Each structure stands twice: as structure tokens, then as C-alpha cells.
Amino acid sequence: MFSYEEFLKLKESGVIPNDLPPLLQALLQEAAGDWNRAHVIAQDEHNNDGSWVHAYLHRVEGDLSNASYWYRVAGRSMPELSPEEEWKSIARALLDKI
């Protein structure tokens, strides 16, 4: 569907295609400054990837205790990566699944 490079171009342009899977839309929403919309999307995805994006969003928000909870639900540890690097890591992982 989209390569990682094409996805990064969407991030830079602020365009969020409706045909993208929801969690990829959430990453673009957050990157565009709409944390609340990204959070709503992540909350509606009841799987490990949804929990991972949810955790990331709370980490970016600065709510590290809530982020820690969602990382545990996702079966992950809070990463040592910067939030920007984690965003890229999540994007790559989600893109690999489509």
C-alpha cells in the first residue's frame, strides 16, 4: 500500500488518507498535532498494536505511568528510543503488516 518513505512524505505533508489502517492514521494525526484524535483511534484498537500506539501517545503526552501500563498491555517495555525514533519504529512495524 505505502512504503515507509511514502508514509514519511504523508507525515511531512499533513495528509491523512482515509484508506490507511486506523493505527497508521493515528500516528499521522499525532504527528500533525492532533493528539486527541490519535488517542481516540488508538483506544478503539483492542490489540497489541493498538496498545503500543496508545502507550506511545501517553509517553509523548508525558503521562509515563499510564504509558507504562499500556506498554505492559502491549507486551512491551518502555523503549530507550526517543519518541521520534519510536514513532518511526511503530510506523515501520505497522506498515510491514499491510
C-alpha atoms as a PDB file:
ATOM      1  CA  MET A   1       0.000   0.000   0.000  1.00  0.00           C
ATOM      2  CA  PHE A   2       2.509   2.627   1.183  1.00  0.00           C
ATOM      3  CA  SER A   3       6.245   2.332   1.526  1.00  0.00           C
ATOM      4  CA  TYR A   4       7.915   3.756   4.605  1.00  0.00           C
ATOM      5  CA  GLU A   5       9.291   6.618   2.503  1.00  0.00           C
ATOM      6  CA  GLU A   6       5.817   7.391   1.131  1.00  0.00           C
ATOM      7  CA  PHE A   7       4.438   7.306   4.671  1.00  0.00           C
ATOM      8  CA  LEU A   8       7.069   9.823   5.788  1.00  0.00           C
ATOM      9  CA  LYS A   9       6.004  12.082   2.917  1.00  0.00           C
ATOM     10  CA  LEU A  10       2.431  11.886   4.211  1.00  0.00           C
ATOM     11  CA  LYS A  11       3.716  12.914   7.640  1.00  0.00           C
ATOM     12  CA  GLU A  12       5.551  15.890   6.150  1.00  0.00           C
ATOM     13  CA  SER A  13       2.535  16.953   4.087  1.00  0.00           C
ATOM     14  CA  GLY A  14      -0.029  16.521   6.853  1.00  0.00           C
ATOM     15  CA  VAL A  15      -2.224  14.432   4.542  1.00  0.00           C
ATOM     16  CA  ILE A  16      -4.043  11.565   6.268  1.00  0.00           C
ATOM     17  CA  PRO A  17      -5.648   9.213   3.742  1.00  0.00           C
ATOM     18  CA  ASN A  18      -8.899   7.591   4.819  1.00  0.00           C
ATOM     19  CA  ASP A  19      -7.818   4.262   3.338  1.00  0.00           C
ATOM     20  CA  LEU A  20      -4.882   3.882   5.728  1.00  0.00           C
ATOM     21  CA  PRO A  21      -5.343   1.425   8.593  1.00  0.00           C
ATOM     22  CA  PRO A  22      -6.510   3.238  11.738  1.00  0.00           C
ATOM     23  CA  LEU A  23      -3.290   2.978  13.730  1.00  0.00           C
ATOM     24  CA  LEU A  24      -1.270   4.481  10.894  1.00  0.00           C
ATOM     25  CA  GLN A  25      -3.854   7.267  10.756  1.00  0.00           C
ATOM     26  CA  ALA A  26      -3.326   7.728  14.498  1.00  0.00           C
ATOM     27  CA  LEU A  27       0.420   8.159  14.028  1.00  0.00           C
ATOM     28  CA  LEU A  28      -0.176  10.769  11.339  1.00  0.00           C
ATOM     29  CA  GLN A  29      -2.791  12.534  13.485  1.00  0.00           C
ATOM     30  CA  GLU A  30      -0.317  12.775  16.359  1.00  0.00           C
ATOM     31  CA  ALA A  31       2.436  13.987  14.037  1.00  0.00           C
ATOM     32  CA  ALA A  32       0.050  16.653  12.713  1.00  0.00           C
ATOM     33  CA  GLY A  33      -0.617  17.847  16.257  1.00  0.00           C
ATOM     34  CA  ASP A  34      -3.981  16.213  16.890  1.00  0.00           C
ATOM     35  CA  TRP A  35      -3.081  14.076  19.910  1.00  0.00           C
ATOM     36  CA  ASN A  36      -6.729  13.751  20.970  1.00  0.00           C
ATOM     37  CA  ARG A  37      -7.866  12.284  17.645  1.00  0.00           C
ATOM     38  CA  ALA A  38      -4.872   9.929  17.633  1.00  0.00           C
ATOM     39  CA  HIS A  39      -5.778   8.817  21.156  1.00  0.00           C
ATOM     40  CA  VAL A  40      -9.396   8.112  20.222  1.00  0.00           C
ATOM     41  CA  ILE A  41      -8.230   5.941  17.330  1.00  0.00           C
ATOM     42  CA  ALA A  42      -5.717   4.020  19.463  1.00  0.00           C
ATOM     43  CA  GLN A  43      -8.291   3.407  22.201  1.00  0.00           C
ATOM     44  CA  ASP A  44     -10.585   1.763  19.661  1.00  0.00           C
ATOM     45  CA  GLU A  45      -7.945  -0.772  18.577  1.00  0.00           C
ATOM     46  CA  HIS A  46      -8.127  -3.620  21.091  1.00  0.00           C
ATOM     47  CA  ASN A  47      -4.963  -5.493  20.196  1.00  0.00           C
ATOM     48  CA  ASN A  48      -1.236  -5.373  20.953  1.00  0.00           C
ATOM     49  CA  ASP A  49      -0.536  -2.828  18.223  1.00  0.00           C
ATOM     50  CA  GLY A  50      -3.331  -0.583  19.469  1.00  0.00           C
ATOM     51  CA  SER A  51      -1.919  -0.815  22.980  1.00  0.00           C
ATOM     52  CA  TRP A  52       1.552   0.008  21.647  1.00  0.00           C
ATOM     53  CA  VAL A  53       0.329   3.146  19.881  1.00  0.00           C
ATOM     54  CA  HIS A  54      -1.735   4.024  22.970  1.00  0.00           C
ATOM     55  CA  ALA A  55       1.389   3.660  25.134  1.00  0.00           C
ATOM     56  CA  TYR A  56       3.427   5.787  22.758  1.00  0.00           C
ATOM     57  CA  LEU A  57       0.794   8.525  22.827  1.00  0.00           C
ATOM     58  CA  HIS A  58       0.791   8.670  26.626  1.00  0.00           C
ATOM     59  CA  ARG A  59       4.585   8.719  26.586  1.00  0.00           C
ATOM     60  CA  VAL A  60       4.529  11.714  24.225  1.00  0.00           C
ATOM     61  CA  GLU A  61       1.896  13.323  26.421  1.00  0.00           C
ATOM     62  CA  GLY A  62       4.221  12.943  29.400  1.00  0.00           C
ATOM     63  CA  ASP A  63       1.933  10.579  31.355  1.00  0.00           C
ATOM     64  CA  LEU A  64       4.609   7.954  31.937  1.00  0.00           C
ATOM     65  CA  SER A  65       2.668   5.888  34.464  1.00  0.00           C
ATOM     66  CA  ASN A  66      -0.219   5.496  32.020  1.00  0.00           C
ATOM     67  CA  ALA A  67       2.272   4.826  29.217  1.00  0.00           C
ATOM     68  CA  SER A  68       3.932   2.113  31.316  1.00  0.00           C
ATOM     69  CA  TYR A  69       0.574   0.428  31.830  1.00  0.00           C
ATOM     70  CA  TRP A  70      -0.159   0.371  28.077  1.00  0.00           C
ATOM     71  CA  TYR A  71       3.332  -0.888  27.239  1.00  0.00           C
ATOM     72  CA  ARG A  72       2.691  -3.808  29.604  1.00  0.00           C
ATOM     73  CA  VAL A  73      -0.685  -4.474  27.942  1.00  0.00           C
ATOM     74  CA  ALA A  74       1.120  -4.437  24.573  1.00  0.00           C
ATOM     75  CA  GLY A  75       3.692  -6.916  25.900  1.00  0.00           C
ATOM     76  CA  ARG A  76       6.495  -4.360  25.615  1.00  0.00           C
ATOM     77  CA  SER A  77       8.798  -2.335  27.791  1.00  0.00           C
ATOM     78  CA  MET A  78       9.046   1.417  27.602  1.00  0.00           C
ATOM     79  CA  PRO A  79      11.738   1.937  24.974  1.00  0.00           C
ATOM     80  CA  GLU A  80      15.064   3.672  25.389  1.00  0.00           C
ATOM     81  CA  LEU A  81      14.458   5.293  21.983  1.00  0.00           C
ATOM     82  CA  SER A  82      13.474   8.909  21.640  1.00  0.00           C
ATOM     83  CA  PRO A  83       9.760   9.405  20.942  1.00  0.00           C
ATOM     84  CA  GLU A  84      10.661  10.358  17.368  1.00  0.00           C
ATOM     85  CA  GLU A  85      12.570   7.103  16.879  1.00  0.00           C
ATOM     86  CA  GLU A  86       9.767   5.125  18.467  1.00  0.00           C
ATOM     87  CA  TRP A  87       7.265   6.758  16.081  1.00  0.00           C
ATOM     88  CA  LYS A  88       9.410   5.553  13.182  1.00  0.00           C
ATOM     89  CA  SER A  89       9.700   2.077  14.685  1.00  0.00           C
ATOM     90  CA  ILE A  90       5.936   1.787  15.148  1.00  0.00           C
ATOM     91  CA  ALA A  91       5.309   3.092  11.626  1.00  0.00           C
ATOM     92  CA  ARG A  92       7.697   0.544  10.106  1.00  0.00           C
ATOM     93  CA  ALA A  93       6.149  -2.314  12.108  1.00  0.00           C
ATOM     94  CA  LEU A  94       2.594  -1.358  11.148  1.00  0.00           C
ATOM     95  CA  LEU A  95       3.487  -0.800   7.501  1.00  0.00           C
ATOM     96  CA  ASP A  96       5.085  -4.256   7.385  1.00  0.00           C
ATOM     97  CA  LYS A  97       1.687  -5.733   8.286  1.00  0.00           C
ATOM     98  CA  ILE A  98      -0.211  -4.266   5.339  1.00  0.00           C
END
